[in-house]
Structures are given as C-alpha cells and as structure tokens.
C-alpha cells in the first residue's frame, strides 16, 4: 500500500512545518531540513516527532 499523492501534498513535518518527501523504498517520509524519517505503517504515516528516526548520513 502506498501513500496517495494528494495526502503527500498536504502533509508537513510536525517539527519544522517544512515539506516532506517519500523515501526511495516508499515506506517512510523524509524531512531534509530536520533530517528525520517518519515511518509509514499499514499505509498510515506516523507523524509523531517522538517516533521519527534520524536519517543516516
């Protein structure tokens, strides 16, 4: 299950309110400004700052 483009267009990073993009494996949303990954579980983006994972450099 993939996230719909319409939903992706309106979502923003809950930490900085910046734009987010779908990662290559399509199982998470990335905020480049905060360098955080928000997982997508069962088609639902988990947009909680406490559950975000730092991006690996």
N, C-alpha and C. Protein backbone atom coordinates (compact mmCIF):
# COMPACT_ATOMS: atom_id res chain seq x y z
N UNK A 1 0.85 -1.19 0.00
CA UNK A 1 0.00 0.00 0.00
C UNK A 1 0.89 1.24 0.00
N UNK A 2 0.59 2.16 -0.87
CA UNK A 2 1.39 3.38 -0.97
C UNK A 2 0.55 4.59 -0.58
N UNK A 3 1.22 5.62 -0.19
CA UNK A 3 0.53 6.85 0.22
C UNK A 3 0.07 7.60 -1.03
N UNK A 4 -1.11 8.16 -0.96
CA UNK A 4 -1.66 8.88 -2.11
C UNK A 4 -0.98 10.24 -2.26
N UNK A 5 -0.80 10.65 -3.51
CA UNK A 5 -0.14 11.92 -3.80
C UNK A 5 -0.87 13.10 -3.16
N UNK A 6 -2.19 13.05 -3.13
CA UNK A 6 -2.96 14.14 -2.53
C UNK A 6 -2.63 14.31 -1.06
N UNK A 7 -2.47 13.18 -0.35
CA UNK A 7 -2.11 13.25 1.07
C UNK A 7 -0.68 13.75 1.23
N UNK A 8 0.22 13.27 0.41
CA UNK A 8 1.61 13.70 0.47
C UNK A 8 1.72 15.21 0.24
N UNK A 9 0.89 15.75 -0.64
CA UNK A 9 0.93 17.19 -0.95
C UNK A 9 0.53 18.06 0.24
N UNK A 10 -0.30 17.56 1.15
CA UNK A 10 -0.77 18.40 2.26
C UNK A 10 -0.03 18.14 3.57
N UNK A 11 0.72 17.03 3.65
CA UNK A 11 1.45 16.73 4.88
C UNK A 11 2.67 17.63 5.01
N UNK A 12 3.02 17.95 6.25
CA UNK A 12 4.22 18.75 6.54
C UNK A 12 4.90 18.14 7.75
N UNK A 13 6.18 18.41 7.89
CA UNK A 13 6.93 17.92 9.03
C UNK A 13 6.34 18.54 10.30
N UNK A 14 5.99 17.71 11.30
CA UNK A 14 5.41 18.28 12.52
C UNK A 14 6.40 19.08 13.35
N UNK A 15 7.69 18.89 13.11
CA UNK A 15 8.70 19.60 13.89
C UNK A 15 8.97 20.99 13.34
N UNK A 16 9.24 21.09 12.02
CA UNK A 16 9.62 22.39 11.44
C UNK A 16 8.54 22.97 10.52
N UNK A 17 7.51 22.18 10.24
CA UNK A 17 6.41 22.56 9.34
C UNK A 17 6.86 22.67 7.88
N UNK A 18 8.05 22.11 7.58
CA UNK A 18 8.58 22.12 6.23
C UNK A 18 8.03 20.99 5.38
N UNK A 19 8.47 20.94 4.15
CA UNK A 19 7.97 19.92 3.23
C UNK A 19 8.63 18.57 3.50
N UNK A 20 7.91 17.52 3.14
CA UNK A 20 8.41 16.16 3.29
C UNK A 20 8.30 15.45 1.95
N UNK A 21 9.14 14.43 1.78
CA UNK A 21 9.12 13.66 0.55
C UNK A 21 9.11 12.17 0.89
N UNK A 22 8.60 11.40 -0.04
CA UNK A 22 8.56 9.95 0.11
C UNK A 22 9.96 9.40 -0.13
N UNK A 23 10.40 8.47 0.73
CA UNK A 23 11.73 7.90 0.53
C UNK A 23 11.72 6.90 -0.62
N UNK A 24 12.90 6.44 -1.03
CA UNK A 24 13.02 5.57 -2.19
C UNK A 24 12.28 4.25 -2.02
N UNK A 25 12.32 3.68 -0.82
CA UNK A 25 11.64 2.41 -0.59
C UNK A 25 10.14 2.58 -0.35
N UNK A 26 9.68 3.81 -0.32
CA UNK A 26 8.26 4.16 -0.21
C UNK A 26 7.63 3.66 1.10
N UNK A 27 8.46 3.56 2.16
CA UNK A 27 7.93 3.14 3.44
C UNK A 27 8.15 4.19 4.53
N UNK A 28 8.44 5.42 4.09
CA UNK A 28 8.66 6.49 5.04
C UNK A 28 8.66 7.85 4.36
N UNK A 29 8.51 8.87 5.18
CA UNK A 29 8.51 10.26 4.72
C UNK A 29 9.73 10.95 5.31
N UNK A 30 10.43 11.70 4.49
CA UNK A 30 11.68 12.33 4.90
C UNK A 30 11.52 13.84 4.97
N UNK A 31 12.02 14.41 6.07
CA UNK A 31 12.16 15.87 6.18
C UNK A 31 13.65 16.14 6.08
N UNK A 32 14.09 16.74 4.99
CA UNK A 32 15.51 17.02 4.78
C UNK A 32 16.02 18.09 5.74
N UNK A 33 15.18 19.04 6.09
CA UNK A 33 15.60 20.13 6.97
C UNK A 33 15.91 19.61 8.38
N UNK A 34 15.05 18.74 8.91
CA UNK A 34 15.25 18.18 10.25
C UNK A 34 16.07 16.90 10.23
N UNK A 35 16.28 16.35 9.03
CA UNK A 35 16.98 15.08 8.85
C UNK A 35 16.31 13.97 9.65
N UNK A 36 14.97 13.87 9.47
CA UNK A 36 14.17 12.86 10.16
C UNK A 36 13.39 12.02 9.16
N UNK A 37 13.16 10.77 9.55
CA UNK A 37 12.34 9.84 8.77
C UNK A 37 11.11 9.48 9.59
N UNK A 38 9.95 9.71 9.01
CA UNK A 38 8.68 9.32 9.62
C UNK A 38 8.20 8.07 8.90
N UNK A 39 8.06 6.96 9.62
CA UNK A 39 7.67 5.69 9.02
C UNK A 39 6.22 5.71 8.54
N UNK A 40 5.95 4.88 7.55
CA UNK A 40 4.58 4.63 7.09
C UNK A 40 4.28 3.19 7.47
N UNK A 41 3.28 3.00 8.34
CA UNK A 41 2.90 1.66 8.79
C UNK A 41 1.47 1.36 8.36
N UNK A 42 1.29 0.26 7.66
CA UNK A 42 -0.03 -0.13 7.17
C UNK A 42 -0.70 0.98 6.39
N UNK A 43 0.11 1.73 5.62
CA UNK A 43 -0.42 2.80 4.79
C UNK A 43 -0.69 4.10 5.53
N UNK A 44 -0.33 4.16 6.81
CA UNK A 44 -0.60 5.35 7.62
C UNK A 44 0.73 5.99 8.03
N UNK A 45 0.96 7.26 7.66
CA UNK A 45 2.19 7.93 8.09
C UNK A 45 2.15 8.23 9.59
N UNK A 46 3.20 7.84 10.29
CA UNK A 46 3.29 8.08 11.73
C UNK A 46 4.04 9.40 11.91
N UNK A 47 3.28 10.46 12.07
CA UNK A 47 3.84 11.82 12.10
C UNK A 47 4.03 12.32 13.53
N UNK A 48 4.66 11.50 14.36
CA UNK A 48 4.96 11.88 15.73
C UNK A 48 6.46 12.13 15.85
N UNK A 49 6.83 13.29 16.36
CA UNK A 49 8.24 13.65 16.47
C UNK A 49 8.98 12.62 17.31
N UNK A 50 8.34 12.13 18.37
CA UNK A 50 8.99 11.17 19.28
C UNK A 50 9.31 9.84 18.58
N UNK A 51 8.57 9.51 17.53
CA UNK A 51 8.78 8.23 16.83
C UNK A 51 9.59 8.38 15.55
N UNK A 52 9.96 9.59 15.20
CA UNK A 52 10.77 9.81 13.99
C UNK A 52 12.17 9.28 14.22
N UNK A 53 12.78 8.82 13.14
CA UNK A 53 14.14 8.28 13.21
C UNK A 53 15.08 9.24 12.49
N UNK A 54 16.27 9.45 13.07
CA UNK A 54 17.24 10.31 12.38
C UNK A 54 17.71 9.66 11.09
N UNK A 55 17.94 10.47 10.07
CA UNK A 55 18.46 9.97 8.80
C UNK A 55 19.92 9.59 8.99
N UNK A 56 20.30 8.49 8.34
CA UNK A 56 21.69 8.07 8.39
C UNK A 56 22.47 8.84 7.34
N UNK A 57 23.62 9.30 7.70
CA UNK A 57 24.45 10.09 6.78
C UNK A 57 25.21 9.19 5.83
